[in-house]
C-alpha atoms as a PDB file:
ATOM      1  CA  UNK A   1      56.468  92.059  27.520  1.00  0.00           C
ATOM      2  CA  UNK A   2      58.096  89.700  25.141  1.00  0.00           C
ATOM      3  CA  UNK A   3      58.971  87.375  27.507  1.00  0.00           C
ATOM      4  CA  UNK A   4      55.170  87.370  28.722  1.00  0.00           C
ATOM      5  CA  UNK A   5      53.902  87.105  24.976  1.00  0.00           C
ATOM      6  CA  UNK A   6      56.344  84.360  24.594  1.00  0.00           C
ATOM      7  CA  UNK A   7      54.600  82.355  27.299  1.00  0.00           C
ATOM      8  CA  UNK A   8      51.989  82.801  26.421  1.00  0.00           C
ATOM      9  CA  UNK A   9      52.412  81.409  22.839  1.00  0.00           C
ATOM     10  CA  UNK A  10      54.287  78.104  24.666  1.00  0.00           C
ATOM     11  CA  UNK A  11      51.133  78.098  27.069  1.00  0.00           C
ATOM     12  CA  UNK A  12      48.894  78.138  23.505  1.00  0.00           C
ATOM     13  CA  UNK A  13      51.111  75.718  22.842  1.00  0.00           C
ATOM     14  CA  UNK A  14      49.963  72.918  25.238  1.00  0.00           C
ATOM     15  CA  UNK A  15      46.451  74.334  24.906  1.00  0.00           C
ATOM     16  CA  UNK A  16      47.098  73.469  21.241  1.00  0.00           C
ATOM     17  CA  UNK A  17      48.302  70.326  22.213  1.00  0.00           C
ATOM     18  CA  UNK A  18      45.255  69.437  24.323  1.00  0.00           C
ATOM     19  CA  UNK A  19      42.982  70.260  21.133  1.00  0.00           C
ATOM     20  CA  UNK A  20      44.814  68.050  19.163  1.00  0.00           C
ATOM     21  CA  UNK A  21      44.170  65.385  21.606  1.00  0.00           C
ATOM     22  CA  UNK A  22      40.529  66.107  21.714  1.00  0.00           C
ATOM     23  CA  UNK A  23      40.652  66.438  17.711  1.00  0.00           C
ATOM     24  CA  UNK A  24      42.084  62.348  17.519  1.00  0.00           C
ATOM     25  CA  UNK A  25      38.944  61.230  19.330  1.00  0.00           C
ATOM     26  CA  UNK A  26      36.437  63.334  17.007  1.00  0.00           C
ATOM     27  CA  UNK A  27      37.673  62.579  13.194  1.00  0.00           C
ATOM     28  CA  UNK A  28      40.230  62.392  10.794  1.00  0.00           C
ATOM     29  CA  UNK A  29      39.995  66.125   9.189  1.00  0.00           C
ATOM     30  CA  UNK A  30      40.525  67.426  12.523  1.00  0.00           C
ATOM     31  CA  UNK A  31      43.437  65.866  12.941  1.00  0.00           C
ATOM     32  CA  UNK A  32      45.014  66.652   9.631  1.00  0.00           C
ATOM     33  CA  UNK A  33      44.138  70.295  10.581  1.00  0.00           C
ATOM     34  CA  UNK A  34      45.923  70.060  14.010  1.00  0.00           C
ATOM     35  CA  UNK A  35      48.986  68.100  12.752  1.00  0.00           C
ATOM     36  CA  UNK A  36      49.517  71.215  10.177  1.00  0.00           C
ATOM     37  CA  UNK A  37      49.237  73.597  13.345  1.00  0.00           C
ATOM     38  CA  UNK A  38      51.607  71.878  15.577  1.00  0.00           C
ATOM     39  CA  UNK A  39      54.211  71.497  12.678  1.00  0.00           C
ATOM     40  CA  UNK A  40      53.714  75.470  12.161  1.00  0.00           C
ATOM     41  CA  UNK A  41      54.498  75.605  16.344  1.00  0.00           C
ATOM     42  CA  UNK A  42      57.364  73.340  16.867  1.00  0.00           C
ATOM     43  CA  UNK A  43      59.839  73.881  19.904  1.00  0.00           C
ATOM     44  CA  UNK A  44      62.637  74.711  17.357  1.00  0.00           C
ATOM     45  CA  UNK A  45      59.905  78.000  15.840  1.00  0.00           C
ATOM     46  CA  UNK A  46      60.107  78.889  19.078  1.00  0.00           C
ATOM     47  CA  UNK A  47      64.045  79.171  19.790  1.00  0.00           C
ATOM     48  CA  UNK A  48      64.086  80.919  16.681  1.00  0.00           C
ATOM     49  CA  UNK A  49      61.554  83.367  17.591  1.00  0.00           C
ATOM     50  CA  UNK A  50      63.615  83.930  21.088  1.00  0.00           C
ATOM     51  CA  UNK A  51      66.438  85.064  18.952  1.00  0.00           C
ATOM     52  CA  UNK A  52      64.790  87.375  16.931  1.00  0.00           C
ATOM     53  CA  UNK A  53      63.133  88.845  19.713  1.00  0.00           C
ATOM     54  CA  UNK A  54      66.197  89.596  21.413  1.00  0.00           C
ATOM     55  CA  UNK A  55      67.670  90.912  17.681  1.00  0.00           C
ATOM     56  CA  UNK A  56      63.988  93.322  17.395  1.00  0.00           C
ATOM     57  CA  UNK A  57      61.984  93.180  20.588  1.00  0.00           C
ATOM     58  CA  UNK A  58      59.116  95.430  18.004  1.00  0.00           C
ATOM     59  CA  UNK A  59      59.229  93.883  15.233  1.00  0.00           C
ATOM     60  CA  UNK A  60      59.195  90.551  17.105  1.00  0.00           C
ATOM     61  CA  UNK A  61      56.592  91.619  19.199  1.00  0.00           C
ATOM     62  CA  UNK A  62      54.551  92.849  15.760  1.00  0.00           C
ATOM     63  CA  UNK A  63      55.362  89.577  13.819  1.00  0.00           C
ATOM     64  CA  UNK A  64      54.041  87.604  16.683  1.00  0.00           C
ATOM     65  CA  UNK A  65      50.971  89.392  17.507  1.00  0.00           C
ATOM     66  CA  UNK A  66      50.271  88.468  13.625  1.00  0.00           C
ATOM     67  CA  UNK A  67      50.934  84.911  13.821  1.00  0.00           C
ATOM     68  CA  UNK A  68      48.765  84.978  16.973  1.00  0.00           C
ATOM     69  CA  UNK A  69      46.086  86.013  15.242  1.00  0.00           C
ATOM     70  CA  UNK A  70      46.705  83.984  12.386  1.00  0.00           C
ATOM     71  CA  UNK A  71      46.820  80.981  14.895  1.00  0.00           C
ATOM     72  CA  UNK A  72      43.662  82.348  16.294  1.00  0.00           C
ATOM     73  CA  UNK A  73      42.173  82.600  13.247  1.00  0.00           C
ATOM     74  CA  UNK A  74      42.618  78.719  12.061  1.00  0.00           C
ATOM     75  CA  UNK A  75      41.941  77.466  15.800  1.00  0.00           C
ATOM     76  CA  UNK A  76      38.854  78.745  16.579  1.00  0.00           C
ATOM     77  CA  UNK A  77      37.160  77.300  13.537  1.00  0.00           C
ATOM     78  CA  UNK A  78      38.792  74.448  14.452  1.00  0.00           C
ATOM     79  CA  UNK A  79      37.665  73.848  18.199  1.00  0.00           C
ATOM     80  CA  UNK A  80      34.241  75.609  17.136  1.00  0.00           C
ATOM     81  CA  UNK A  81      33.805  71.872  14.930  1.00  0.00           C
ATOM     82  CA  UNK A  82      35.379  70.343  17.784  1.00  0.00           C
ATOM     83  CA  UNK A  83      32.473  71.176  20.052  1.00  0.00           C
ATOM     84  CA  UNK A  84      30.306  70.932  17.583  1.00  0.00           C
ATOM     85  CA  UNK A  85      31.504  67.050  17.179  1.00  0.00           C
ATOM     86  CA  UNK A  86      31.624  66.441  20.949  1.00  0.00           C
ATOM     87  CA  UNK A  87      27.824  67.817  21.040  1.00  0.00           C
ATOM     88  CA  UNK A  88      27.342  65.045  18.251  1.00  0.00           C
ATOM     89  CA  UNK A  89      29.354  62.689  19.823  1.00  0.00           C
ATOM     90  CA  UNK A  90      27.346  63.213  23.019  1.00  0.00           C
ATOM     91  CA  UNK A  91      23.616  62.810  20.749  1.00  0.00           C
ATOM     92  CA  UNK A  92      25.214  59.896  19.206  1.00  0.00           C
ATOM     93  CA  UNK A  93      26.330  58.381  22.511  1.00  0.00           C
ATOM     94  CA  UNK A  94      23.108  59.241  24.176  1.00  0.00           C
ATOM     95  CA  UNK A  95      21.097  57.472  20.963  1.00  0.00           C
ATOM     96  CA  UNK A  96      23.303  54.379  21.518  1.00  0.00           C
ATOM     97  CA  UNK A  97      22.305  54.418  25.268  1.00  0.00           C
ATOM     98  CA  UNK A  98      18.719  54.625  23.672  1.00  0.00           C
ATOM     99  CA  UNK A  99      19.271  51.986  21.286  1.00  0.00           C
ATOM    100  CA  UNK A 100      21.113  49.878  24.301  1.00  0.00           C
ATOM    101  CA  UNK A 101      18.021  50.269  26.532  1.00  0.00           C
ATOM    102  CA  UNK A 102      15.652  49.044  23.699  1.00  0.00           C
ATOM    103  CA  UNK A 103      17.529  46.224  22.169  1.00  0.00           C
ATOM    104  CA  UNK A 104      17.809  45.176  26.258  1.00  0.00           C
ATOM    105  CA  UNK A 105      13.951  45.232  26.283  1.00  0.00           C
ATOM    106  CA  UNK A 106      13.524  43.695  22.913  1.00  0.00           C
ATOM    107  CA  UNK A 107      16.184  40.955  23.800  1.00  0.00           C
ATOM    108  CA  UNK A 108      14.195  40.500  27.406  1.00  0.00           C
ATOM    109  CA  UNK A 109      10.783  40.592  25.296  1.00  0.00           C
ATOM    110  CA  UNK A 110      12.405  37.889  22.082  1.00  0.00           C
ATOM    111  CA  UNK A 111      13.882  35.776  25.496  1.00  0.00           C
ATOM    112  CA  UNK A 112      10.110  35.785  27.180  1.00  0.00           C
ATOM    113  CA  UNK A 113       8.631  35.133  23.886  1.00  0.00           C
ATOM    114  CA  UNK A 114      10.869  32.193  22.502  1.00  0.00           C
ATOM    115  CA  UNK A 115      10.399  30.842  26.516  1.00  0.00           C
ATOM    116  CA  UNK A 116       6.433  31.289  26.010  1.00  0.00           C
ATOM    117  CA  UNK A 117       6.877  29.624  22.366  1.00  0.00           C
ATOM    118  CA  UNK A 118       9.085  26.533  24.237  1.00  0.00           C
ATOM    119  CA  UNK A 119       6.439  25.840  26.595  1.00  0.00           C
ATOM    120  CA  UNK A 120       4.070  25.918  23.821  1.00  0.00           C
ATOM    121  CA  UNK A 121       5.922  23.366  21.918  1.00  0.00           C
ATOM    122  CA  UNK A 122       6.200  21.329  24.606  1.00  0.00           C
ATOM    123  CA  UNK A 123       2.178  21.872  25.282  1.00  0.00           C
ATOM    124  CA  UNK A 124       1.675  20.600  21.350  1.00  0.00           C
ATOM    125  CA  UNK A 125       4.323  18.167  21.757  1.00  0.00           C
ATOM    126  CA  UNK A 126       2.513  16.617  24.792  1.00  0.00           C
ATOM    127  CA  UNK A 127      -1.005  16.719  22.846  1.00  0.00           C
ATOM    128  CA  UNK A 128       0.666  15.489  19.522  1.00  0.00           C
ATOM    129  CA  UNK A 129       2.078  12.511  21.678  1.00  0.00           C
ATOM    130  CA  UNK A 130      -1.224  11.916  22.851  1.00  0.00           C
ATOM    131  CA  UNK A 131      -2.912  11.985  19.619  1.00  0.00           C
ATOM    132  CA  UNK A 132      -0.794   9.824  18.176  1.00  0.00           C
ATOM    133  CA  UNK A 133      -1.643   7.077  21.328  1.00  0.00           C
ATOM    134  CA  UNK A 134      -5.122   7.630  20.117  1.00  0.00           C
ATOM    135  CA  UNK A 135      -4.595   7.298  16.768  1.00  0.00           C
ATOM    136  CA  UNK A 136      -2.163   4.301  16.889  1.00  0.00           C
ATOM    137  CA  UNK A 137      -5.822   1.975  17.061  1.00  0.00           C
ATOM    138  CA  UNK A 138      -7.324   3.916  14.650  1.00  0.00           C
ATOM    139  CA  UNK A 139      -4.497   2.863  12.461  1.00  0.00           C
ATOM    140  CA  UNK A 140      -3.534  -0.134  13.236  1.00  0.00           C
ATOM    141  CA  UNK A 141      -7.991  -0.823  12.789  1.00  0.00           C
ATOM    142  CA  UNK A 142      -7.308   0.972   9.219  1.00  0.00           C
ATOM    143  CA  UNK A 143      -4.406  -1.355   8.235  1.00  0.00           C
ATOM    144  CA  UNK A 144      -6.202  -4.480   9.598  1.00  0.00           C
ATOM    145  CA  UNK A 145      -9.529  -3.209   7.535  1.00  0.00           C
ATOM    146  CA  UNK A 146      -7.436  -2.176   4.582  1.00  0.00           C
ATOM    147  CA  UNK A 147      -5.566  -5.621   4.357  1.00  0.00           C
ATOM    148  CA  UNK A 148      -9.242  -7.137   4.465  1.00  0.00           C
ATOM    149  CA  UNK A 149     -10.164  -5.055   1.776  1.00  0.00           C
ATOM    150  CA  UNK A 150      -7.437  -6.190  -0.371  1.00  0.00           C
ATOM    151  CA  UNK A 151      -7.978  -9.725   0.383  1.00  0.00           C
ATOM    152  CA  UNK A 152     -11.873  -9.666  -0.173  1.00  0.00           C
ATOM    153  CA  UNK A 153     -10.920  -7.507  -3.601  1.00  0.00           C
ATOM    154  CA  UNK A 154      -8.788 -10.436  -4.673  1.00  0.00           C
ATOM    155  CA  UNK A 155     -11.313 -13.092  -3.288  1.00  0.00           C
ATOM    156  CA  UNK A 156     -13.920 -11.200  -5.386  1.00  0.00           C
ATOM    157  CA  UNK A 157     -11.864 -11.344  -8.339  1.00  0.00           C
ATOM    158  CA  UNK A 158     -10.951 -14.690  -8.144  1.00  0.00           C
ATOM    159  CA  UNK A 159     -15.049 -15.530  -7.087  1.00  0.00           C
ATOM    160  CA  UNK A 160     -15.455 -13.513 -10.518  1.00  0.00           C
ATOM    161  CA  UNK A 161     -12.648 -15.527 -12.591  1.00  0.00           C
ATOM    162  CA  UNK A 162     -14.470 -18.738 -11.145  1.00  0.00           C
ATOM    163  CA  UNK A 163     -17.980 -17.509 -12.063  1.00  0.00           C
ATOM    164  CA  UNK A 164     -16.719 -16.841 -15.470  1.00  0.00           C
ATOM    165  CA  UNK A 165     -15.302 -20.207 -15.832  1.00  0.00           C
ATOM    166  CA  UNK A 166     -18.049 -21.763 -14.030  1.00  0.00           C
ATOM    167  CA  UNK A 167     -20.674 -19.856 -17.078  1.00  0.00           C
ATOM    168  CA  UNK A 168     -17.983 -20.586 -19.895  1.00  0.00           C
ATOM    169  CA  UNK A 169     -18.856 -24.263 -18.436  1.00  0.00           C
ATOM    170  CA  UNK A 170     -21.843 -23.847 -18.338  1.00  0.00           C
ATOM    171  CA  UNK A 171     -21.804 -22.575 -21.821  1.00  0.00           C
ATOM    172  CA  UNK A 172     -19.938 -25.957 -22.593  1.00  0.00           C
ATOM    173  CA  UNK A 173     -22.485 -28.129 -21.174  1.00  0.00           C
ATOM    174  CA  UNK A 174     -25.490 -26.366 -22.154  1.00  0.00           C
ATOM    175  CA  UNK A 175     -24.176 -27.136 -25.801  1.00  0.00           C
ATOM    176  CA  UNK A 176     -23.060 -30.832 -25.079  1.00  0.00           C
ATOM    177  CA  UNK A 177     -26.409 -31.256 -23.267  1.00  0.00           C
ATOM    178  CA  UNK A 178     -28.599 -29.714 -26.158  1.00  0.00           C
ATOM    179  CA  UNK A 179     -26.128 -31.954 -28.392  1.00  0.00           C
ATOM    180  CA  UNK A 180     -27.137 -35.049 -26.141  1.00  0.00           C
ATOM    181  CA  UNK A 181     -30.784 -34.374 -26.171  1.00  0.00           C
ATOM    182  CA  UNK A 182     -30.853 -33.970 -30.215  1.00  0.00           C
ATOM    183  CA  UNK A 183     -28.979 -37.441 -30.219  1.00  0.00           C
ATOM    184  CA  UNK A 184     -31.105 -38.680 -27.451  1.00  0.00           C
ATOM    185  CA  UNK A 185     -33.796 -38.036 -29.454  1.00  0.00           C
ATOM    186  CA  UNK A 186     -32.302 -39.249 -32.461  1.00  0.00           C
ATOM    187  CA  UNK A 187     -31.601 -42.396 -30.459  1.00  0.00           C
ATOM    188  CA  UNK A 188     -35.170 -42.489 -29.064  1.00  0.00           C
ATOM    189  CA  UNK A 189     -36.564 -41.971 -31.947  1.00  0.00           C
ATOM    190  CA  UNK A 190     -34.629 -45.058 -33.632  1.00  0.00           C
ATOM    191  CA  UNK A 191     -35.543 -47.175 -30.634  1.00  0.00           C
ATOM    192  CA  UNK A 192     -38.978 -46.807 -31.236  1.00  0.00           C
ATOM    193  CA  UNK A 193     -38.499 -47.921 -34.448  1.00  0.00           C
ATOM    194  CA  UNK A 194     -37.081 -50.970 -33.336  1.00  0.00           C
ATOM    195  CA  UNK A 195     -39.295 -51.496 -30.889  1.00  0.00           C
ATOM    196  CA  UNK A 196     -42.139 -51.620 -33.416  1.00  0.00           C
ATOM    197  CA  UNK A 197     -40.082 -53.406 -35.534  1.00  0.00           C
ATOM    198  CA  UNK A 198     -39.385 -56.192 -32.434  1.00  0.00           C
ATOM    199  CA  UNK A 199     -43.391 -56.048 -31.945  1.00  0.00           C
ATOM    200  CA  UNK A 200     -44.113 -56.631 -35.398  1.00  0.00           C
ATOM    201  CA  UNK A 201     -41.549 -59.641 -35.479  1.00  0.00           C
ATOM    202  CA  UNK A 202     -43.027 -60.754 -31.669  1.00  0.00           C
ATOM    203  CA  UNK A 203     -46.102 -60.493 -33.534  1.00  0.00           C
ATOM    204  CA  UNK A 204     -45.178 -62.581 -36.707  1.00  0.00           C
ATOM    205  CA  UNK A 205     -43.496 -65.145 -34.138  1.00  0.00           C
ATOM    206  CA  UNK A 206     -46.502 -65.615 -31.989  1.00  0.00           C
ATOM    207  CA  UNK A 207     -48.676 -66.264 -34.794  1.00  0.00           C
ATOM    208  CA  UNK A 208     -46.186 -69.054 -36.268  1.00  0.00           C
ATOM    209  CA  UNK A 209     -44.966 -70.430 -33.001  1.00  0.00           C
ATOM    210  CA  UNK A 210     -47.692 -73.050 -32.546  1.00  0.00           C
ATOM    211  CA  UNK A 211     -47.434 -74.357 -36.996  1.00  0.00           C
ATOM    212  CA  UNK A 212     -43.420 -74.331 -36.092  1.00  0.00           C
ATOM    213  CA  UNK A 213     -44.033 -76.487 -33.292  1.00  0.00           C
ATOM    214  CA  UNK A 214     -46.470 -78.917 -34.919  1.00  0.00           C
ATOM    215  CA  UNK A 215     -43.868 -79.241 -38.000  1.00  0.00           C
ATOM    216  CA  UNK A 216     -40.997 -79.932 -35.934  1.00  0.00           C
ATOM    217  CA  UNK A 217     -42.744 -82.031 -33.614  1.00  0.00           C
ATOM    218  CA  UNK A 218     -43.866 -83.951 -36.710  1.00  0.00           C
ATOM    219  CA  UNK A 219     -40.178 -83.691 -38.103  1.00  0.00           C
ATOM    220  CA  UNK A 220     -39.177 -85.310 -34.681  1.00  0.00           C
ATOM    221  CA  UNK A 221     -41.886 -87.672 -34.883  1.00  0.00           C
ATOM    222  CA  UNK A 222     -40.632 -88.892 -38.860  1.00  0.00           C
ATOM    223  CA  UNK A 223     -37.027 -89.061 -37.241  1.00  0.00           C
ATOM    224  CA  UNK A 224     -37.400 -90.872 -34.253  1.00  0.00           C
ATOM    225  CA  UNK A 225     -35.631 -88.548 -31.709  1.00  0.00           C
ATOM    226  CA  UNK A 226     -36.177 -88.539 -28.052  1.00  0.00           C
ATOM    227  CA  UNK A 227     -37.322 -84.876 -26.728  1.00  0.00           C
ATOM    228  CA  UNK A 228     -36.827 -83.652 -23.330  1.00  0.00           C
ATOM    229  CA  UNK A 229     -39.069 -81.510 -21.094  1.00  0.00           C
ATOM    230  CA  UNK A 230     -38.737 -79.750 -17.657  1.00  0.00           C
ATOM    231  CA  UNK A 231     -41.410 -78.928 -15.514  1.00  0.00           C
ATOM    232  CA  UNK A 232     -40.956 -77.135 -12.660  1.00  0.00           C
ATOM    233  CA  UNK A 233     -43.497 -77.794  -9.666  1.00  0.00           C
ATOM    234  CA  UNK A 234     -44.536 -74.530  -7.079  1.00  0.00           C
ATOM    235  CA  UNK A 235     -42.697 -74.163  -4.450  1.00  0.00           C
ATOM    236  CA  UNK A 236     -43.356 -75.715  -1.099  1.00  0.00           C
ATOM    237  CA  UNK A 237     -44.346 -73.232   1.946  1.00  0.00           C
ATOM    238  CA  UNK A 238     -41.010 -74.455   3.554  1.00  0.00           C
ATOM    239  CA  UNK A 239     -39.059 -73.696   0.131  1.00  0.00           C
ATOM    240  CA  UNK A 240     -40.240 -70.190  -0.708  1.00  0.00           C
ATOM    241  CA  UNK A 241     -37.725 -68.123   1.819  1.00  0.00           C
ATOM    242  CA  UNK A 242     -35.038 -70.120   0.944  1.00  0.00           C
ATOM    243  CA  UNK A 243     -32.699 -68.524  -1.098  1.00  0.00           C
ATOM    244  CA  UNK A 244     -30.287 -71.216  -1.412  1.00  0.00           C
ATOM    245  CA  UNK A 245     -31.073 -71.556  -5.103  1.00  0.00           C
ATOM    246  CA  UNK A 246     -32.947 -69.393  -8.145  1.00  0.00           C
ATOM    247  CA  UNK A 247     -34.207 -70.493 -11.293  1.00  0.00           C
ATOM    248  CA  UNK A 248     -34.550 -67.960 -14.175  1.00  0.00           C
ATOM    249  CA  UNK A 249     -36.710 -69.219 -17.255  1.00  0.00           C
ATOM    250  CA  UNK A 250     -35.797 -67.285 -20.437  1.00  0.00           C
ATOM    251  CA  UNK A 251     -38.499 -66.198 -23.093  1.00  0.00           C
ATOM    252  CA  UNK A 252     -37.562 -69.041 -25.456  1.00  0.00           C
ATOM    253  CA  UNK A 253     -39.091 -71.570 -23.404  1.00  0.00           C
ATOM    254  CA  UNK A 254     -36.326 -73.980 -24.115  1.00  0.00           C
ATOM    255  CA  UNK A 255     -33.445 -72.376 -21.668  1.00  0.00           C
ATOM    256  CA  UNK A 256     -33.339 -72.161 -17.939  1.00  0.00           C
ATOM    257  CA  UNK A 257     -30.204 -70.817 -15.666  1.00  0.00           C
ATOM    258  CA  UNK A 258     -29.512 -71.681 -11.946  1.00  0.00           C
ATOM    259  CA  UNK A 259     -28.104 -69.420  -9.568  1.00  0.00           C
ATOM    260  CA  UNK A 260     -26.237 -70.605  -6.329  1.00  0.00           C
ATOM    261  CA  UNK A 261     -26.984 -68.519  -3.018  1.00  0.00           C
ATOM    262  CA  UNK A 262     -24.144 -65.391  -3.148  1.00  0.00           C
ATOM    263  CA  UNK A 263     -21.161 -65.948  -1.006  1.00  0.00           C
ATOM    264  CA  UNK A 264     -17.585 -63.927  -0.347  1.00  0.00           C
ATOM    265  CA  UNK A 265     -15.058 -64.716  -3.133  1.00  0.00           C
ATOM    266  CA  UNK A 266     -11.390 -65.757  -1.964  1.00  0.00           C
ATOM    267  CA  UNK A 267     -10.381 -62.372  -1.007  1.00  0.00           C
ATOM    268  CA  UNK A 268     -13.883 -61.531   1.125  1.00  0.00           C
ATOM    269  CA  UNK A 269     -13.803 -58.334  -0.644  1.00  0.00           C
ATOM    270  CA  UNK A 270     -16.603 -58.736  -2.682  1.00  0.00           C
ATOM    271  CA  UNK A 271     -20.123 -60.990  -3.616  1.00  0.00           C
ATOM    272  CA  UNK A 272     -20.001 -63.406  -6.167  1.00  0.00           C
ATOM    273  CA  UNK A 273     -22.843 -66.053  -6.803  1.00  0.00           C
ATOM    274  CA  UNK A 274     -22.423 -69.299  -9.744  1.00  0.00           C
ATOM    275  CA  UNK A 275     -25.016 -70.177 -12.435  1.00  0.00           C
ATOM    276  CA  UNK A 276     -25.502 -72.876 -14.761  1.00  0.00           C
ATOM    277  CA  UNK A 277     -27.800 -72.943 -18.085  1.00  0.00           C
ATOM    278  CA  UNK A 278     -29.755 -75.699 -19.625  1.00  0.00           C
ATOM    279  CA  UNK A 279     -31.381 -76.530 -22.257  1.00  0.00           C
ATOM    280  CA  UNK A 280     -34.259 -78.147 -23.111  1.00  0.00           C
ATOM    281  CA  UNK A 281     -36.821 -79.447 -26.057  1.00  0.00           C
ATOM    282  CA  UNK A 282     -39.901 -77.201 -23.619  1.00  0.00           C
ATOM    283  CA  UNK A 283     -39.330 -75.726 -20.185  1.00  0.00           C
ATOM    284  CA  UNK A 284     -42.268 -75.305 -17.984  1.00  0.00           C
ATOM    285  CA  UNK A 285     -42.417 -72.815 -15.340  1.00  0.00           C
ATOM    286  CA  UNK A 286     -44.266 -73.489 -12.045  1.00  0.00           C
ATOM    287  CA  UNK A 287     -46.550 -71.387 -13.353  1.00  0.00           C
ATOM    288  CA  UNK A 288     -47.669 -73.393 -16.409  1.00  0.00           C
ATOM    289  CA  UNK A 289     -51.326 -75.340 -16.112  1.00  0.00           C
ATOM    290  CA  UNK A 290     -52.134 -78.839 -17.292  1.00  0.00           C
ATOM    291  CA  UNK A 291     -53.801 -77.122 -20.453  1.00  0.00           C
ATOM    292  CA  UNK A 292     -49.850 -76.493 -21.688  1.00  0.00           C
ATOM    293  CA  UNK A 293     -48.892 -79.579 -20.904  1.00  0.00           C
ATOM    294  CA  UNK A 294     -51.637 -81.475 -23.259  1.00  0.00           C
ATOM    295  CA  UNK A 295     -50.541 -79.313 -26.018  1.00  0.00           C
END
């Protein structure tokens, strides 16, 4: 009987080792409990128990039963806790499997979405390239128009500055013209006054010419001088178209100027004409009559 109990104790020690191995998989508190239990039932203690059984089999059997009961009191809760931990582990593994399945499904869905997004991105890129190609001429046109607008704006600014300059010049010219008009009016007034004075003098001289001429002739008769008169006959029909010489009569009726035909100068770049002035006591033009000669 005692040996059978010892054998049971040894088998319990083996089962305790299995419990220890299972507990190591569960958690640290169970491992600690198993270590304490295994330390209490070492092989050396088993040897001491065998020697005690040999000395007093009844006491050893009772002690062995008490220790067995105490051991069972310690092991049964640990086994129950271990079974609960195994159930929790199985539930956790099932949950992990479900999560892995869900994760695989979500990864697959994500890959499908990424593939669809990549295809959409490619389509958008192609559409964007086409849009860029379509917009490129518009951009070039816009750039040309912008450059044209800037050039027109610069030209407009220059035109405005030129218009302002011309306006200032116009104001200056108008002021200068007003001054010239005033000066012209003053000169015209002075010319009219001089003209009136010259008219009065001419009338006075015309009235006194016969008397002055008579006095001059009388003076010359008394002095005995020779007087030279010059009379021009009318041109003949053959002479009227001849531009060889031109005669210019002066208003004092005492001087005449002969002009030669117009000719090229030495360099041949301009036209020149020679002239000769002659003075007489009286000059009668081709329009003078016999009455004028008799006076």
